[in-house]
Protein backbone atom coordinates (compact mmCIF):
# COMPACT_ATOMS: atom_id res chain seq x y z
CA MET A 1 -37.12 38.69 11.83
CA ARG A 2 -33.77 37.30 12.94
CA ARG A 3 -33.60 34.79 15.76
CA LEU A 4 -30.49 33.96 17.72
CA VAL A 5 -29.49 30.64 19.17
CA GLY A 6 -28.68 30.40 22.88
CA LEU A 7 -28.34 33.34 25.24
CA GLY A 8 -29.48 36.62 23.72
CA GLU A 9 -26.96 39.41 24.21
CA ASN A 10 -26.52 42.79 22.64
CA ARG A 11 -23.02 42.80 21.26
CA GLN A 12 -21.30 45.71 19.63
CA ASN A 13 -20.61 45.37 15.94
CA ALA A 14 -17.01 46.20 15.31
CA ALA A 15 -16.78 49.62 13.70
CA SER A 16 -20.35 50.61 12.97
CA GLY A 17 -21.60 50.05 16.50
CA ARG A 18 -24.90 48.31 15.80
CA PRO A 19 -26.02 46.20 18.80
CA ARG A 20 -26.61 42.61 17.84
CA GLY A 21 -27.38 39.34 19.51
CA ALA A 22 -24.68 36.89 20.37
CA THR A 23 -24.93 33.39 21.65
CA VAL A 24 -22.37 32.13 24.07
CA ALA A 25 -22.04 29.36 26.59
CA ARG A 26 -21.37 30.75 30.07
CA LEU A 27 -18.00 29.71 31.45
CA THR A 28 -17.54 27.99 34.76
CA PRO A 29 -15.55 29.99 37.35
CA ASP A 30 -12.39 27.98 36.79
CA GLN A 31 -12.63 28.50 33.03
CA LYS A 32 -12.98 32.25 33.19
CA VAL A 33 -10.12 34.46 32.14
CA ALA A 34 -9.56 37.49 34.32
CA CYS A 35 -10.47 40.77 32.72
CA SER A 36 -8.78 43.33 34.93
CA ASN A 37 -5.61 45.37 34.91
CA HIS A 38 -2.45 45.81 36.96
CA VAL A 39 -2.04 46.49 40.72
CA GLY A 40 -2.03 42.84 41.65
CA VAL A 41 -4.86 41.82 39.33
CA THR A 42 -4.44 39.41 36.43
CA VAL A 43 -4.22 41.01 32.99
CA LEU A 44 -6.48 39.56 30.32
CA PHE A 45 -4.34 40.12 27.25
CA SER A 46 -0.76 40.09 28.52
CA PHE A 47 -0.07 36.82 26.70
CA LEU A 48 -0.80 38.19 23.23
CA PRO A 49 2.13 38.61 20.84
CA PRO A 50 3.07 42.10 19.63
CA PHE A 51 1.19 43.37 16.63
CA PRO A 52 2.89 42.87 13.25
CA LEU A 53 4.58 46.00 11.96
CA ARG A 54 2.86 45.89 8.61
CA MET A 55 0.96 48.61 6.87
CA ALA A 56 -2.75 47.95 6.94
CA GLN A 57 -3.84 51.09 5.17
CA LYS A 58 -1.48 53.70 3.76
CA GLU A 59 -3.97 56.50 3.38
CA ASN A 60 -6.62 57.71 5.78
CA ALA A 61 -8.05 61.09 4.83
CA TYR A 62 -11.66 60.88 5.97
CA PRO A 63 -13.25 64.19 6.98
CA TRP A 64 -13.05 64.68 10.74
CA PRO A 65 -16.16 65.88 12.61
CA TYR A 66 -15.52 68.71 15.02
CA GLY A 67 -17.28 71.05 17.45
CA ARG A 68 -20.96 70.08 17.61
CA GLN A 69 -20.19 66.49 16.56
CA THR A 70 -18.01 65.55 19.51
CA ALA A 71 -19.13 62.60 21.58
CA GLN A 72 -22.27 62.66 23.68
CA PRO A 73 -22.13 61.78 27.40
CA GLY A 74 -21.35 58.15 28.02
CA LEU A 75 -17.61 58.04 28.57
CA ASN A 76 -17.47 60.41 31.51
CA THR A 77 -13.69 60.36 31.77
CA LEU A 78 -13.01 61.01 28.10
CA PRO A 79 -12.04 64.47 26.89
CA GLN A 80 -14.80 66.51 25.26
CA ARG A 81 -13.01 69.16 23.22
CA VAL A 82 -13.43 71.10 20.01
CA LEU A 83 -11.55 69.31 17.27
CA ARG A 84 -9.65 70.93 14.43
CA LYS A 85 -10.74 70.21 10.89
CA GLU A 86 -7.68 69.16 8.94
CA ALA A 87 -7.11 67.20 5.75
CA VAL A 88 -4.36 64.73 6.51
CA ILE A 89 -2.97 61.51 5.04
CA PRO A 90 -1.19 59.76 7.94
CA SER A 91 0.18 56.25 8.31
CA ALA A 92 -1.40 53.39 10.23
CA LEU A 93 2.03 52.27 11.37
CA VAL A 94 1.90 54.31 14.55
CA LEU A 95 -1.24 52.43 15.62
CA MET A 96 0.32 49.02 15.07
CA SER A 97 3.80 49.66 16.44
CA ARG A 98 2.99 50.25 20.06
CA SER A 99 3.18 47.50 22.59
CA ASN A 100 0.09 46.71 24.62
CA ALA A 101 2.20 45.68 27.59
CA GLN A 102 2.16 47.69 30.81
CA PRO A 103 3.72 49.87 32.08
CA THR A 104 4.56 52.49 29.44
CA ALA A 105 8.05 53.45 28.40
CA ALA A 106 9.55 56.81 29.22
CA PRO A 107 8.14 59.65 27.12
CA GLY A 108 10.14 61.59 24.61
CA GLN A 109 11.70 58.68 22.74
CA LYS A 110 12.28 59.11 19.01
CA VAL A 111 11.90 56.70 16.14
CA VAL A 112 15.34 55.95 14.67
CA GLU A 113 16.75 53.58 12.07
CA ASN A 114 19.07 50.80 13.11
CA SER A 115 21.99 49.41 11.10
CA SER A 116 19.72 47.12 9.11
CA GLY A 117 17.65 50.05 7.92
CA THR A 118 14.51 49.04 9.81
CA LEU A 119 12.74 51.26 12.28
CA ASN A 120 13.37 51.05 16.00
CA ILE A 121 9.99 52.13 17.29
CA PRO A 122 9.71 52.69 21.04
CA LYS A 123 7.21 50.37 22.65
CA ARG A 124 4.65 52.42 24.54
CA SER A 125 1.09 51.51 25.29
CA PHE A 126 -1.73 53.72 24.12
CA THR A 127 -3.95 55.51 26.63
CA ILE A 128 -7.25 57.26 26.06
CA ASP A 129 -5.39 60.59 26.20
CA ASP A 130 -3.75 59.69 22.87
CA PHE A 131 -7.10 60.12 21.10
CA GLU A 132 -9.55 62.87 20.28
CA ILE A 133 -13.03 61.43 20.68
CA GLY A 134 -15.70 62.19 18.10
CA ARG A 135 -19.33 61.24 17.71
CA PRO A 136 -20.76 57.90 18.83
CA LEU A 137 -21.02 55.35 16.05
CA GLY A 138 -23.16 52.99 18.09
CA LYS A 139 -24.01 51.64 21.51
CA GLY A 140 -24.39 48.15 22.88
CA LYS A 141 -24.67 46.08 26.02
CA PHE A 142 -20.91 45.78 26.57
CA GLY A 143 -19.93 49.31 25.58
CA ASN A 144 -19.91 51.87 22.81
CA VAL A 145 -18.09 52.65 19.57
CA TYR A 146 -16.81 56.15 18.85
CA LEU A 147 -15.24 57.88 15.93
CA ALA A 148 -11.76 58.84 17.12
CA ARG A 149 -8.53 60.37 15.90
CA GLU A 150 -5.03 59.57 17.12
CA LYS A 151 -3.56 62.92 18.11
CA LYS A 152 -0.05 62.64 16.72
CA SER A 153 -0.78 60.95 13.40
CA HIS A 154 -4.34 62.31 12.94
CA PHE A 155 -5.30 58.79 11.87
CA ILE A 156 -9.08 58.24 11.91
CA VAL A 157 -10.28 55.07 13.65
CA ALA A 158 -13.32 53.53 15.27
CA LEU A 159 -12.63 53.18 18.99
CA LYS A 160 -14.59 50.33 20.53
CA VAL A 161 -14.90 50.87 24.29
CA LEU A 162 -15.93 47.81 26.31
CA PHE A 163 -16.79 47.76 30.00
CA LYS A 164 -14.96 45.05 31.93
CA SER A 165 -17.77 44.75 34.48
CA GLN A 166 -20.30 43.83 31.79
CA ILE A 167 -17.95 41.40 30.09
CA GLU A 168 -17.24 39.62 33.37
CA LYS A 169 -20.90 39.64 34.36
CA GLU A 170 -21.94 37.88 31.15
CA GLY A 171 -18.98 35.50 31.15
CA VAL A 172 -17.79 36.37 27.65
CA GLU A 173 -14.13 37.03 28.38
CA HIS A 174 -13.14 34.08 26.23
CA GLN A 175 -15.12 35.44 23.27
CA LEU A 176 -13.51 38.87 23.44
CA ARG A 177 -10.09 37.33 23.87
CA ARG A 178 -10.66 35.13 20.82
CA GLU A 179 -11.89 38.10 18.76
CA ILE A 180 -8.71 40.03 19.53
CA GLU A 181 -6.38 37.08 18.99
CA ILE A 182 -7.82 36.36 15.56
CA GLN A 183 -8.70 39.74 14.10
CA ALA A 184 -5.43 41.40 15.11
CA HIS A 185 -3.43 39.17 12.76
CA LEU A 186 -5.67 39.23 9.70
CA GLN A 187 -4.66 41.65 6.95
CA HIS A 188 -6.88 41.68 3.89
CA PRO A 189 -8.65 44.51 2.03
CA ASN A 190 -12.05 42.95 2.76
CA ILE A 191 -11.47 42.28 6.45
CA LEU A 192 -11.85 45.05 9.03
CA ARG A 193 -8.49 45.71 10.68
CA LEU A 194 -7.93 45.60 14.40
CA TYR A 195 -4.88 47.83 14.69
CA ASN A 196 -4.24 47.54 18.41
CA TYR A 197 -5.87 47.58 21.84
CA PHE A 198 -5.24 48.96 25.30
CA TYR A 199 -7.03 48.94 28.63
CA ASP A 200 -7.36 50.67 31.96
CA ARG A 201 -8.93 49.71 35.27
CA ARG A 202 -12.51 49.81 34.00
CA ARG A 203 -12.45 49.51 30.22
CA ILE A 204 -10.92 47.72 27.25
CA TYR A 205 -10.35 49.77 24.10
CA LEU A 206 -10.11 48.24 20.61
CA ILE A 207 -8.58 50.44 17.90
CA LEU A 208 -10.44 49.42 14.74
CA GLU A 209 -10.41 50.45 11.12
CA TYR A 210 -13.15 52.99 10.45
CA ALA A 211 -15.74 51.86 7.89
CA PRO A 212 -17.34 55.19 6.86
CA ARG A 213 -20.32 53.74 4.99
CA GLY A 214 -21.47 51.63 7.91
CA GLU A 215 -23.32 48.34 7.87
CA LEU A 216 -24.38 46.38 4.84
CA TYR A 217 -27.48 45.44 6.85
CA LYS A 218 -28.67 49.05 7.00
CA GLU A 219 -28.21 49.53 3.26
CA LEU A 220 -30.13 46.32 2.64
CA GLN A 221 -32.95 47.55 4.87
CA LYS A 222 -33.18 50.77 2.86
CA SER A 223 -33.27 49.14 -0.56
CA ARG A 224 -34.81 45.80 0.59
CA THR A 225 -32.88 43.92 -2.13
CA PHE A 226 -29.65 44.39 -4.09
CA ASP A 227 -29.25 44.03 -7.83
CA GLU A 228 -27.14 41.37 -9.54
CA GLN A 229 -24.08 43.57 -9.89
CA ARG A 230 -23.86 44.51 -6.24
CA THR A 231 -24.64 41.00 -5.00
CA ALA A 232 -22.10 39.37 -7.31
CA THR A 233 -19.46 41.89 -6.23
CA ILE A 234 -20.11 41.07 -2.58
CA MET A 235 -19.86 37.36 -3.31
CA GLU A 236 -16.47 37.80 -4.98
CA GLU A 237 -15.19 39.93 -2.10
CA LEU A 238 -16.40 37.40 0.45
CA ALA A 239 -14.93 34.47 -1.44
CA ASP A 240 -11.52 36.15 -1.56
CA ALA A 241 -11.56 37.20 2.10
CA LEU A 242 -12.71 33.79 3.33
CA THR A 243 -10.12 32.04 1.19
CA TYR A 244 -7.54 34.12 3.05
CA CYS A 245 -9.11 33.26 6.43
CA HIS A 246 -9.32 29.55 5.71
CA ALA A 247 -5.70 29.47 4.56
CA LYS A 248 -4.85 30.78 8.01
CA LYS A 249 -7.09 28.14 9.62
CA VAL A 250 -9.66 30.73 10.68
CA ILE A 251 -13.38 29.94 10.38
CA HIS A 252 -15.67 32.97 10.74
CA ARG A 253 -18.92 31.05 11.39
CA ASP A 254 -21.14 34.14 11.55
CA ILE A 255 -21.23 35.71 8.08
CA LYS A 256 -24.43 37.77 7.77
CA PRO A 257 -25.39 41.35 6.77
CA GLU A 258 -25.03 42.70 10.32
CA ASN A 259 -21.38 41.63 10.42
CA LEU A 260 -20.40 43.15 7.09
CA LEU A 261 -19.32 46.79 6.89
CA LEU A 262 -18.61 49.08 3.95
CA GLY A 263 -15.48 51.09 3.27
CA LEU A 264 -15.28 54.53 1.67
CA ARG A 265 -15.69 53.16 -1.87
CA GLY A 266 -18.29 50.61 -0.86
CA GLU A 267 -15.79 47.76 -0.55
CA LEU A 268 -16.86 45.02 1.83
CA LYS A 269 -15.27 44.63 5.26
CA ILE A 270 -15.87 41.45 7.25
CA ALA A 271 -16.19 42.38 10.92
CA ASP A 272 -17.14 40.88 14.27
CA PHE A 273 -14.85 37.92 14.79
CA GLY A 274 -16.36 37.09 18.19
CA TRP A 275 -17.66 33.77 16.89
CA SER A 276 -14.59 33.00 14.82
CA VAL A 277 -12.23 30.21 15.73
CA HIS A 278 -8.62 29.54 14.91
CA ALA A 279 -8.86 25.80 14.52
CA PRO A 280 -5.68 24.16 13.17
CA SER A 281 -7.70 21.05 12.38
CA LEU A 282 -10.54 23.19 10.99
CA ARG A 283 -13.02 21.07 12.89
CA ARG A 284 -15.34 22.28 15.66
CA LYS A 285 -18.49 21.10 17.39
CA THR A 286 -20.16 24.21 18.84
CA MET A 287 -23.49 25.74 17.90
CA CYS A 288 -23.38 29.50 17.43
CA GLY A 289 -24.60 32.30 15.24
CA THR A 290 -27.93 33.42 13.83
CA LEU A 291 -30.58 30.74 13.39
CA ASP A 292 -31.41 31.64 9.78
CA TYR A 293 -27.75 31.20 8.82
CA LEU A 294 -27.01 27.97 10.70
CA PRO A 295 -25.90 25.09 8.46
CA PRO A 296 -27.41 21.60 8.84
CA GLU A 297 -24.31 20.12 10.48
CA MET A 298 -24.50 22.63 13.33
CA ILE A 299 -28.20 22.06 13.90
CA GLU A 300 -27.64 18.30 13.90
CA GLY A 301 -24.75 18.65 16.35
CA ARG A 302 -22.20 17.19 13.97
CA THR A 303 -18.57 18.22 13.79
CA HIS A 304 -18.16 21.11 11.40
CA ASN A 305 -15.30 22.72 9.54
CA GLU A 306 -14.60 25.75 7.35
CA LYS A 307 -17.40 24.73 4.98
CA VAL A 308 -19.92 26.31 7.36
CA ASP A 309 -18.80 29.62 5.83
CA LEU A 310 -19.77 28.33 2.37
CA TRP A 311 -23.29 27.68 3.61
CA CYS A 312 -23.45 31.17 5.16
CA ILE A 313 -22.49 32.98 1.96
CA GLY A 314 -25.10 30.96 0.09
CA VAL A 315 -27.75 32.12 2.56
CA LEU A 316 -26.42 35.67 2.29
CA CYS A 317 -26.54 35.66 -1.51
CA TYR A 318 -30.20 34.60 -1.36
CA GLU A 319 -31.07 37.27 1.22
CA LEU A 320 -29.39 40.05 -0.75
CA LEU A 321 -31.37 39.18 -3.89
CA VAL A 322 -34.71 38.28 -2.25
CA GLY A 323 -34.81 40.41 0.90
CA ASN A 324 -35.08 37.61 3.46
CA PRO A 325 -33.15 34.41 4.28
CA PRO A 326 -34.16 31.28 2.33
CA PHE A 327 -35.34 29.20 5.30
CA GLU A 328 -37.03 31.92 7.36
CA SER A 329 -40.22 30.58 8.96
CA ALA A 330 -42.77 31.46 11.62
CA SER A 331 -41.21 29.19 14.25
CA HIS A 332 -37.79 27.95 15.27
CA ASN A 333 -38.76 24.34 14.68
CA GLU A 334 -39.99 25.03 11.17
CA THR A 335 -36.80 26.92 10.34
CA TYR A 336 -34.74 24.04 11.70
CA ARG A 337 -36.73 21.57 9.61
CA ARG A 338 -36.34 23.57 6.41
CA ILE A 339 -32.59 23.98 6.93
CA VAL A 340 -31.99 20.29 7.59
CA LYS A 341 -34.13 19.32 4.58
CA VAL A 342 -32.57 22.13 2.50
CA ASP A 343 -36.10 23.20 1.58
CA LEU A 344 -34.93 25.82 -0.89
CA LYS A 345 -37.43 27.74 -3.01
CA PHE A 346 -36.62 30.60 -5.37
CA PRO A 347 -39.00 33.40 -6.34
CA PRO A 348 -39.13 34.17 -10.09
CA SER A 349 -37.12 37.36 -9.54
CA VAL A 350 -33.89 35.45 -8.79
CA PRO A 351 -31.79 35.07 -11.98
CA MET A 352 -30.97 31.54 -13.10
CA GLY A 353 -27.23 32.12 -12.70
CA ALA A 354 -27.68 33.20 -9.10
CA GLN A 355 -29.98 30.24 -8.45
CA ASP A 356 -27.26 27.93 -9.73
CA LEU A 357 -24.63 29.47 -7.43
CA ILE A 358 -26.87 29.44 -4.35
CA SER A 359 -28.00 25.86 -4.98
CA LYS A 360 -24.38 24.71 -5.21
CA LEU A 361 -23.52 26.40 -1.90
CA LEU A 362 -26.58 25.23 0.05
CA LYS A 363 -25.81 21.52 0.06
CA HIS A 364 -26.61 19.35 3.07
CA ASN A 365 -23.31 17.52 2.68
CA PRO A 366 -20.54 20.06 3.41
CA SER A 367 -18.09 18.32 1.09
CA GLU A 368 -20.46 18.91 -1.84
CA ARG A 369 -20.56 22.69 -1.40
CA LEU A 370 -18.96 24.79 -4.10
CA PRO A 371 -15.37 25.68 -3.11
CA LEU A 372 -14.52 29.35 -2.66
CA ALA A 373 -12.26 29.39 -5.73
CA GLN A 374 -15.19 28.24 -7.83
CA VAL A 375 -17.45 30.86 -6.26
CA SER A 376 -15.15 33.59 -7.58
CA ALA A 377 -14.96 31.83 -10.95
CA HIS A 378 -18.69 31.14 -11.23
CA PRO A 379 -20.08 32.46 -14.55
CA TRP A 380 -22.76 34.56 -12.84
CA VAL A 381 -20.19 36.19 -10.51
CA ARG A 382 -17.75 36.78 -13.34
CA ALA A 383 -20.45 38.35 -15.51
CA HIS A 384 -21.75 40.78 -12.90
CA SER A 385 -19.05 41.48 -10.30
CA ARG A 386 -17.49 44.95 -10.36
CA ARG A 387 -15.06 44.44 -7.52
CA VAL A 388 -12.71 47.38 -6.93
CA LEU A 389 -9.90 47.00 -4.41
CA PRO A 390 -9.26 49.99 -2.14
CA PRO A 391 -6.07 52.01 -2.79
CA SER A 392 -2.81 50.61 -1.43
CA ALA A 393 -4.55 47.41 -0.37
CA PRO A 394 -2.28 44.58 0.79
CA GLN A 395 -2.22 41.47 -1.32
CA SER A 396 -4.27 38.45 -0.31
CA VAL A 397 -1.63 36.01 0.83
CA PRO A 398 -1.99 32.73 2.73
């Protein structure tokens, strides 16, 4: 059983929609960021820079549900219509090129090339009318996630719909703002894309990459454990994605099965950046995340850095092979004690190579943990990983 530290909240997992707990410190009134829209009310996201005009995914030809699979009641203002079944391969550029500033530009503008040969794309905010809404992918305390299709491009996405009233009530504006700031500018084949966002008077909409195979957590529940090949592949994917994040001074801090999604070919997608931080110094002092995955330095209240993610992937590797986290105990205090003491015990079923990797990641001293480059190069990972990058994937660049 997973236990969460701090306030228990059901948060929506990015594109699969599984409710999960989150732990946040409630903001004081003067710290809160307004979460409303125009007409004299402060806008939450008006300060964000425009989205980069880079291709995140060049092909998107997932089958589109139609007719009986349209969304169930829940978004009472959203269109409920029969959807055409078409095989299309559109571009993600249209999703990333629109401004999220209000108000919208005049309709009818065309995309033209300027003298430099680049595209002049009219800046117009999305509205909910730009999307056909499909089946629900999941529901949570702050809103719901729906399968959706952008009407003009027919691009399939996961549309995360958050209710402003709930976000304000729970005082998590800062966490949502941070999630958008960070995830919007990460582009890696093993990180779930946030293409864009928009909002109206009552809701905030996040346009996310659709992960058709859902949560890693659900697949782990079905099979209980993963074999060496699948676990090693996941470790290589995580090491590469986190290397990219750390190069950009981003610490995820909440790597666990519930926050990992699966693409069409089973490739890993890190999601849920609500606990992430962009820390130029890569040093923080905040406790967050799931208890079973907390590193010793967080429990002891010490300053932590990007090496918390190394601890988390060590815990994850153990859980994938064994079926439960390494320090799981009957009580919080016992779990805390085992983590701080690094009371690590392996069942006979765990291969020696995997034991070596996990032991080198689960070190009490963060500086002694195996670096990400050496995780990818570890003999056990190299022998068993079958990592396959998705088609047209962007390169991992710092």
